[in-house]
Amino acid sequence: MTDSDDNEIIVTVRLGPDETARWWLQRPQTDWQIAQIAEDLEDHLIGLVEADEQRKEDTE
């Protein structure tokens, strides 16, 4: 989910029933900044998915 106002972007990701990750970002000014933020968030989310999969494997 993404919320925004004039000066910032808030990205909230649900990690589980009781967990969320939230990023507060200043509104980017250039296309490069938007692309960099998207790449950073993608890398972080991939890491979260991989960690969750590893945790599931460890508990089986």
PDB file of N, CA and C in Angstrom:
ATOM      1  N   MET A   1       0.854  -1.163   0.000  1.00  0.00           N
ATOM      2  CA  MET A   1       0.000   0.000   0.000  1.00  0.00           C
ATOM      3  C   MET A   1       0.901   1.226   0.000  1.00  0.00           C
ATOM      4  N   THR A   2       0.499   2.226  -0.718  1.00  0.00           N
ATOM      5  CA  THR A   2       1.253   3.473  -0.773  1.00  0.00           C
ATOM      6  C   THR A   2       0.325   4.626  -0.444  1.00  0.00           C
ATOM      7  N   ASP A   3       0.730   5.442   0.511  1.00  0.00           N
ATOM      8  CA  ASP A   3       0.024   6.673   0.832  1.00  0.00           C
ATOM      9  C   ASP A   3       0.958   7.812   0.477  1.00  0.00           C
ATOM     10  N   SER A   4       0.410   8.982   0.216  1.00  0.00           N
ATOM     11  CA  SER A   4       1.296  10.101  -0.075  1.00  0.00           C
ATOM     12  C   SER A   4       0.623  11.409   0.273  1.00  0.00           C
ATOM     13  N   ASP A   5       1.452  12.408   0.465  1.00  0.00           N
ATOM     14  CA  ASP A   5       0.971  13.773   0.555  1.00  0.00           C
ATOM     15  C   ASP A   5       1.880  14.591  -0.352  1.00  0.00           C
ATOM     16  N   ASP A   6       1.885  15.875  -0.212  1.00  0.00           N
ATOM     17  CA  ASP A   6       2.668  16.696  -1.134  1.00  0.00           C
ATOM     18  C   ASP A   6       4.170  16.506  -1.007  1.00  0.00           C
ATOM     19  N   ASN A   7       4.663  16.097   0.172  1.00  0.00           N
ATOM     20  CA  ASN A   7       6.104  16.079   0.395  1.00  0.00           C
ATOM     21  C   ASN A   7       6.703  14.710   0.640  1.00  0.00           C
ATOM     22  N   GLU A   8       5.902  13.701   0.899  1.00  0.00           N
ATOM     23  CA  GLU A   8       6.492  12.404   1.187  1.00  0.00           C
ATOM     24  C   GLU A   8       5.625  11.283   0.639  1.00  0.00           C
ATOM     25  N   ILE A   9       6.255  10.129   0.510  1.00  0.00           N
ATOM     26  CA  ILE A   9       5.582   8.904   0.096  1.00  0.00           C
ATOM     27  C   ILE A   9       5.759   7.916   1.238  1.00  0.00           C
ATOM     28  N   ILE A  10       4.696   7.255   1.641  1.00  0.00           N
ATOM     29  CA  ILE A  10       4.763   6.245   2.685  1.00  0.00           C
ATOM     30  C   ILE A  10       4.397   4.908   2.052  1.00  0.00           C
ATOM     31  N   VAL A  11       5.304   3.943   2.148  1.00  0.00           N
ATOM     32  CA  VAL A  11       5.067   2.611   1.603  1.00  0.00           C
ATOM     33  C   VAL A  11       4.929   1.660   2.779  1.00  0.00           C
ATOM     34  N   THR A  12       3.832   0.916   2.817  1.00  0.00           N
ATOM     35  CA  THR A  12       3.589  -0.045   3.886  1.00  0.00           C
ATOM     36  C   THR A  12       3.448  -1.430   3.271  1.00  0.00           C
ATOM     37  N   VAL A  13       4.206  -2.390   3.799  1.00  0.00           N
ATOM     38  CA  VAL A  13       4.164  -3.763   3.306  1.00  0.00           C
ATOM     39  C   VAL A  13       3.800  -4.672   4.466  1.00  0.00           C
ATOM     40  N   ARG A  14       2.803  -5.504   4.258  1.00  0.00           N
ATOM     41  CA  ARG A  14       2.386  -6.451   5.290  1.00  0.00           C
ATOM     42  C   ARG A  14       3.286  -7.676   5.206  1.00  0.00           C
ATOM     43  N   LEU A  15       3.963  -8.001   6.314  1.00  0.00           N
ATOM     44  CA  LEU A  15       4.891  -9.124   6.336  1.00  0.00           C
ATOM     45  C   LEU A  15       4.242 -10.387   6.885  1.00  0.00           C
ATOM     46  N   GLY A  16       3.211 -10.223   7.644  1.00  0.00           N
ATOM     47  CA  GLY A  16       2.524 -11.351   8.257  1.00  0.00           C
ATOM     48  C   GLY A  16       1.305 -10.827   8.974  1.00  0.00           C
ATOM     49  N   PRO A  17       0.651 -11.670   9.759  1.00  0.00           N
ATOM     50  CA  PRO A  17      -0.578 -11.235  10.423  1.00  0.00           C
ATOM     51  C   PRO A  17      -0.377 -10.029  11.339  1.00  0.00           C
ATOM     52  N   ASP A  18       0.775  -9.953  11.970  1.00  0.00           N
ATOM     53  CA  ASP A  18       1.006  -8.880  12.936  1.00  0.00           C
ATOM     54  C   ASP A  18       2.221  -8.025  12.613  1.00  0.00           C
ATOM     55  N   GLU A  19       2.790  -8.183  11.437  1.00  0.00           N
ATOM     56  CA  GLU A  19       4.018  -7.464  11.096  1.00  0.00           C
ATOM     57  C   GLU A  19       3.824  -6.607   9.855  1.00  0.00           C
ATOM     58  N   THR A  20       4.357  -5.424   9.897  1.00  0.00           N
ATOM     59  CA  THR A  20       4.401  -4.582   8.706  1.00  0.00           C
ATOM     60  C   THR A  20       5.760  -3.912   8.634  1.00  0.00           C
ATOM     61  N   ALA A  21       6.152  -3.566   7.442  1.00  0.00           N
ATOM     62  CA  ALA A  21       7.354  -2.758   7.231  1.00  0.00           C
ATOM     63  C   ALA A  21       6.879  -1.467   6.598  1.00  0.00           C
ATOM     64  N   ARG A  22       7.441  -0.376   7.026  1.00  0.00           N
ATOM     65  CA  ARG A  22       6.980   0.911   6.519  1.00  0.00           C
ATOM     66  C   ARG A  22       8.193   1.781   6.184  1.00  0.00           C
ATOM     67  N   TRP A  23       8.121   2.449   5.048  1.00  0.00           N
ATOM     68  CA  TRP A  23       9.168   3.372   4.623  1.00  0.00           C
ATOM     69  C   TRP A  23       8.559   4.756   4.455  1.00  0.00           C
ATOM     70  N   TRP A  24       9.217   5.755   4.992  1.00  0.00           N
ATOM     71  CA  TRP A  24       8.817   7.149   4.772  1.00  0.00           C
ATOM     72  C   TRP A  24       9.862   7.755   3.844  1.00  0.00           C
ATOM     73  N   LEU A  25       9.437   8.180   2.698  1.00  0.00           N
ATOM     74  CA  LEU A  25      10.358   8.678   1.686  1.00  0.00           C
ATOM     75  C   LEU A  25       9.998  10.100   1.312  1.00  0.00           C
ATOM     76  N   GLN A  26      11.011  10.923   1.174  1.00  0.00           N
ATOM     77  CA  GLN A  26      10.759  12.260   0.639  1.00  0.00           C
ATOM     78  C   GLN A  26      10.358  12.109  -0.817  1.00  0.00           C
ATOM     79  N   ARG A  27       9.434  12.893  -1.248  1.00  0.00           N
ATOM     80  CA  ARG A  27       8.997  12.795  -2.645  1.00  0.00           C
ATOM     81  C   ARG A  27      10.198  13.057  -3.560  1.00  0.00           C
ATOM     82  N   PRO A  28      10.496  12.113  -4.439  1.00  0.00           N
ATOM     83  CA  PRO A  28      11.641  12.285  -5.333  1.00  0.00           C
ATOM     84  C   PRO A  28      11.404  13.409  -6.337  1.00  0.00           C
ATOM     85  N   GLN A  29      12.501  13.983  -6.758  1.00  0.00           N
ATOM     86  CA  GLN A  29      12.434  15.100  -7.686  1.00  0.00           C
ATOM     87  C   GLN A  29      12.751  14.709  -9.125  1.00  0.00           C
ATOM     88  N   THR A  30      13.424  13.598  -9.315  1.00  0.00           N
ATOM     89  CA  THR A  30      13.838  13.221 -10.667  1.00  0.00           C
ATOM     90  C   THR A  30      13.436  11.779 -10.970  1.00  0.00           C
ATOM     91  N   ASP A  31      13.399  11.443 -12.244  1.00  0.00           N
ATOM     92  CA  ASP A  31      13.102  10.068 -12.651  1.00  0.00           C
ATOM     93  C   ASP A  31      14.141   9.104 -12.101  1.00  0.00           C
ATOM     94  N   TRP A  32      15.416   9.543 -12.041  1.00  0.00           N
ATOM     95  CA  TRP A  32      16.472   8.682 -11.517  1.00  0.00           C
ATOM     96  C   TRP A  32      16.191   8.337 -10.060  1.00  0.00           C
ATOM     97  N   GLN A  33      15.772   9.321  -9.253  1.00  0.00           N
ATOM     98  CA  GLN A  33      15.472   9.058  -7.849  1.00  0.00           C
ATOM     99  C   GLN A  33      14.313   8.077  -7.708  1.00  0.00           C
ATOM    100  N   ILE A  34      13.288   8.227  -8.526  1.00  0.00           N
ATOM    101  CA  ILE A  34      12.154   7.305  -8.488  1.00  0.00           C
ATOM    102  C   ILE A  34      12.623   5.884  -8.817  1.00  0.00           C
ATOM    103  N   ALA A  35      13.440   5.743  -9.844  1.00  0.00           N
ATOM    104  CA  ALA A  35      13.952   4.428 -10.235  1.00  0.00           C
ATOM    105  C   ALA A  35      14.818   3.830  -9.135  1.00  0.00           C
ATOM    106  N   GLN A  36      15.643   4.642  -8.492  1.00  0.00           N
ATOM    107  CA  GLN A  36      16.513   4.155  -7.426  1.00  0.00           C
ATOM    108  C   GLN A  36      15.698   3.679  -6.228  1.00  0.00           C
ATOM    109  N   ILE A  37      14.687   4.430  -5.848  1.00  0.00           N
ATOM    110  CA  ILE A  37      13.821   4.038  -4.733  1.00  0.00           C
ATOM    111  C   ILE A  37      13.111   2.725  -5.059  1.00  0.00           C
ATOM    112  N   ALA A  38      12.583   2.604  -6.269  1.00  0.00           N
ATOM    113  CA  ALA A  38      11.894   1.376  -6.671  1.00  0.00           C
ATOM    114  C   ALA A  38      12.842   0.182  -6.619  1.00  0.00           C
ATOM    115  N   GLU A  39      14.063   0.365  -7.077  1.00  0.00           N
ATOM    116  CA  GLU A  39      15.050  -0.713  -7.055  1.00  0.00           C
ATOM    117  C   GLU A  39      15.396  -1.108  -5.622  1.00  0.00           C
ATOM    118  N   ASP A  40      15.608  -0.129  -4.752  1.00  0.00           N
ATOM    119  CA  ASP A  40      15.924  -0.406  -3.352  1.00  0.00           C
ATOM    120  C   ASP A  40      14.788  -1.154  -2.667  1.00  0.00           C
ATOM    121  N   LEU A  41      13.551  -0.726  -2.905  1.00  0.00           N
ATOM    122  CA  LEU A  41      12.403  -1.406  -2.306  1.00  0.00           C
ATOM    123  C   LEU A  41      12.263  -2.826  -2.845  1.00  0.00           C
ATOM    124  N   GLU A  42      12.478  -2.998  -4.141  1.00  0.00           N
ATOM    125  CA  GLU A  42      12.400  -4.335  -4.728  1.00  0.00           C
ATOM    126  C   GLU A  42      13.434  -5.259  -4.089  1.00  0.00           C
ATOM    127  N   ASP A  43      14.670  -4.789  -3.944  1.00  0.00           N
ATOM    128  CA  ASP A  43      15.721  -5.593  -3.317  1.00  0.00           C
ATOM    129  C   ASP A  43      15.340  -5.969  -1.892  1.00  0.00           C
ATOM    130  N   HIS A  44      14.799  -5.010  -1.154  1.00  0.00           N
ATOM    131  CA  HIS A  44      14.416  -5.267   0.231  1.00  0.00           C
ATOM    132  C   HIS A  44      13.277  -6.285   0.297  1.00  0.00           C
ATOM    133  N   LEU A  45      12.287  -6.130  -0.562  1.00  0.00           N
ATOM    134  CA  LEU A  45      11.152  -7.055  -0.558  1.00  0.00           C
ATOM    135  C   LEU A  45      11.572  -8.463  -0.965  1.00  0.00           C
ATOM    136  N   ILE A  46      12.464  -8.580  -1.925  1.00  0.00           N
ATOM    137  CA  ILE A  46      12.980  -9.895  -2.312  1.00  0.00           C
ATOM    138  C   ILE A  46      13.690 -10.532  -1.121  1.00  0.00           C
ATOM    139  N   GLY A  47      14.461  -9.737  -0.395  1.00  0.00           N
ATOM    140  CA  GLY A  47      15.136 -10.241   0.798  1.00  0.00           C
ATOM    141  C   GLY A  47      14.150 -10.725   1.849  1.00  0.00           C
ATOM    142  N   LEU A  48      13.048 -10.006   2.029  1.00  0.00           N
ATOM    143  CA  LEU A  48      12.027 -10.421   2.997  1.00  0.00           C
ATOM    144  C   LEU A  48      11.383 -11.741   2.587  1.00  0.00           C
ATOM    145  N   VAL A  49      11.082 -11.889   1.306  1.00  0.00           N
ATOM    146  CA  VAL A  49      10.477 -13.129   0.814  1.00  0.00           C
ATOM    147  C   VAL A  49      11.448 -14.292   0.995  1.00  0.00           C
ATOM    148  N   GLU A  50      12.712 -14.085   0.655  1.00  0.00           N
ATOM    149  CA  GLU A  50      13.706 -15.148   0.806  1.00  0.00           C
ATOM    150  C   GLU A  50      13.880 -15.534   2.270  1.00  0.00           C
ATOM    151  N   ALA A  51      13.884 -14.552   3.169  1.00  0.00           N
ATOM    152  CA  ALA A  51      14.013 -14.837   4.598  1.00  0.00           C
ATOM    153  C   ALA A  51      12.804 -15.618   5.098  1.00  0.00           C
ATOM    154  N   ASP A  52      11.620 -15.272   4.626  1.00  0.00           N
ATOM    155  CA  ASP A  52      10.408 -15.986   5.023  1.00  0.00           C
ATOM    156  C   ASP A  52      10.443 -17.424   4.526  1.00  0.00           C
ATOM    157  N   GLU A  53      10.878 -17.627   3.288  1.00  0.00           N
ATOM    158  CA  GLU A  53      10.979 -18.981   2.745  1.00  0.00           C
ATOM    159  C   GLU A  53      11.992 -19.802   3.533  1.00  0.00           C
ATOM    160  N   GLN A  54      13.108 -19.188   3.907  1.00  0.00           N
ATOM    161  CA  GLN A  54      14.124 -19.890   4.689  1.00  0.00           C
ATOM    162  C   GLN A  54      13.580 -20.254   6.063  1.00  0.00           C
ATOM    163  N   ARG A  55      12.841 -19.336   6.675  1.00  0.00           N
ATOM    164  CA  ARG A  55      12.254 -19.593   7.994  1.00  0.00           C
ATOM    165  C   ARG A  55      11.276 -20.766   7.910  1.00  0.00           C
ATOM    166  N   LYS A  56      10.482 -20.830   6.836  1.00  0.00           N
ATOM    167  CA  LYS A  56       9.536 -21.939   6.656  1.00  0.00           C
ATOM    168  C   LYS A  56      10.274 -23.257   6.487  1.00  0.00           C
ATOM    169  N   GLU A  57      11.367 -23.249   5.713  1.00  0.00           N
ATOM    170  CA  GLU A  57      12.159 -24.463   5.520  1.00  0.00           C
ATOM    171  C   GLU A  57      12.769 -24.929   6.832  1.00  0.00           C
ATOM    172  N   ASP A  58      13.225 -23.998   7.651  1.00  0.00           N
ATOM    173  CA  ASP A  58      13.864 -24.342   8.916  1.00  0.00           C
ATOM    174  C   ASP A  58      12.881 -24.928   9.922  1.00  0.00           C
ATOM    175  N   THR A  59      11.605 -24.582   9.798  1.00  0.00           N
ATOM    176  CA  THR A  59      10.617 -25.076  10.761  1.00  0.00           C
ATOM    177  C   THR A  59       9.960 -26.375  10.304  1.00  0.00           C
ATOM    178  N   GLU A  60      10.252 -26.816   9.085  1.00  0.00           N
ATOM    179  CA  GLU A  60       9.657 -28.065   8.584  1.00  0.00           C
ATOM    180  C   GLU A  60      10.433 -29.260   9.054  1.00  0.00           C
TER     181      GLU A  60
END
